[in-house]
């Protein structure tokens, strides 16, 4: 009886992998794609912030506002 239960368990695991593997693969690809898009957007924002010139502030040599 143990052999039958082991074979049934192995068959159910293999069947589950065959059924759910494509969906799991698709989910992983979507998550990785979203992560890449978020990372690229963040880098673009940092670069744009670095490229914009900073307006000089009106301060005197002591650091007081004029």
Protein backbone atom coordinates (compact mmCIF):
# COMPACT_ATOMS: atom_id res chain seq x y z
CA UNK A 1 0.00 0.00 0.00
CA UNK A 2 2.93 2.33 0.67
CA UNK A 3 4.16 1.96 -2.89
CA UNK A 4 0.79 3.03 -4.27
CA UNK A 5 0.66 6.12 -2.03
CA UNK A 6 4.20 7.10 -3.00
CA UNK A 7 3.49 6.70 -6.69
CA UNK A 8 0.23 8.68 -6.34
CA UNK A 9 2.06 11.47 -4.50
CA UNK A 10 4.82 11.60 -7.12
CA UNK A 11 2.27 11.62 -9.92
CA UNK A 12 0.31 14.45 -8.29
CA UNK A 13 3.47 16.51 -7.78
CA UNK A 14 4.56 16.03 -11.39
CA UNK A 15 1.07 16.90 -12.62
CA UNK A 16 0.95 20.03 -10.47
CA UNK A 17 4.33 21.15 -11.82
CA UNK A 18 3.22 20.61 -15.39
CA UNK A 19 0.00 22.53 -14.80
CA UNK A 20 1.31 25.47 -12.77
CA UNK A 21 4.83 25.90 -14.19
CA UNK A 22 3.77 28.05 -17.18
CA UNK A 23 1.76 30.37 -14.93
CA UNK A 24 4.64 30.57 -12.46
CA UNK A 25 7.09 31.32 -15.26
CA UNK A 26 4.81 34.08 -16.56
CA UNK A 27 4.47 35.57 -13.08
CA UNK A 28 8.23 35.61 -12.56
CA UNK A 29 8.80 37.24 -15.96
CA UNK A 30 6.24 39.95 -15.20
CA UNK A 31 7.73 40.66 -11.79
CA UNK A 32 11.23 40.88 -13.23
CA UNK A 33 10.02 43.13 -16.03
CA UNK A 34 8.28 45.46 -13.58
CA UNK A 35 11.39 45.58 -11.42
CA UNK A 36 13.53 46.54 -14.41
CA UNK A 37 11.08 49.26 -15.44
CA UNK A 38 10.96 50.71 -11.91
CA UNK A 39 14.75 50.65 -11.66
CA UNK A 40 15.21 52.32 -15.04
CA UNK A 41 12.67 55.00 -14.16
CA UNK A 42 14.42 55.67 -10.85
CA UNK A 43 17.79 56.01 -12.59
CA UNK A 44 16.32 58.38 -15.16
CA UNK A 45 14.83 60.56 -12.40
CA UNK A 46 18.16 60.68 -10.55
CA UNK A 47 19.99 61.63 -13.72
CA UNK A 48 17.45 64.34 -14.56
CA UNK A 49 17.73 65.74 -11.03
CA UNK A 50 21.51 65.77 -11.30
CA UNK A 51 21.44 67.45 -14.71
CA UNK A 52 19.19 70.37 -13.70
CA UNK A 53 21.24 73.38 -12.66
CA UNK A 54 20.80 74.68 -9.14
CA UNK A 55 19.92 78.36 -8.95
CA UNK A 56 22.44 80.35 -6.93
CA UNK A 57 21.11 81.57 -3.61
CA UNK A 58 21.34 85.16 -2.52
CA UNK A 59 23.66 84.93 0.47
CA UNK A 60 26.56 87.02 1.59
CA UNK A 61 30.00 85.77 2.60
CA UNK A 62 28.74 85.02 6.17
CA UNK A 63 25.95 82.81 4.88
CA UNK A 64 23.19 85.29 5.76
CA UNK A 65 20.30 85.85 3.34
CA UNK A 66 20.26 89.13 1.46
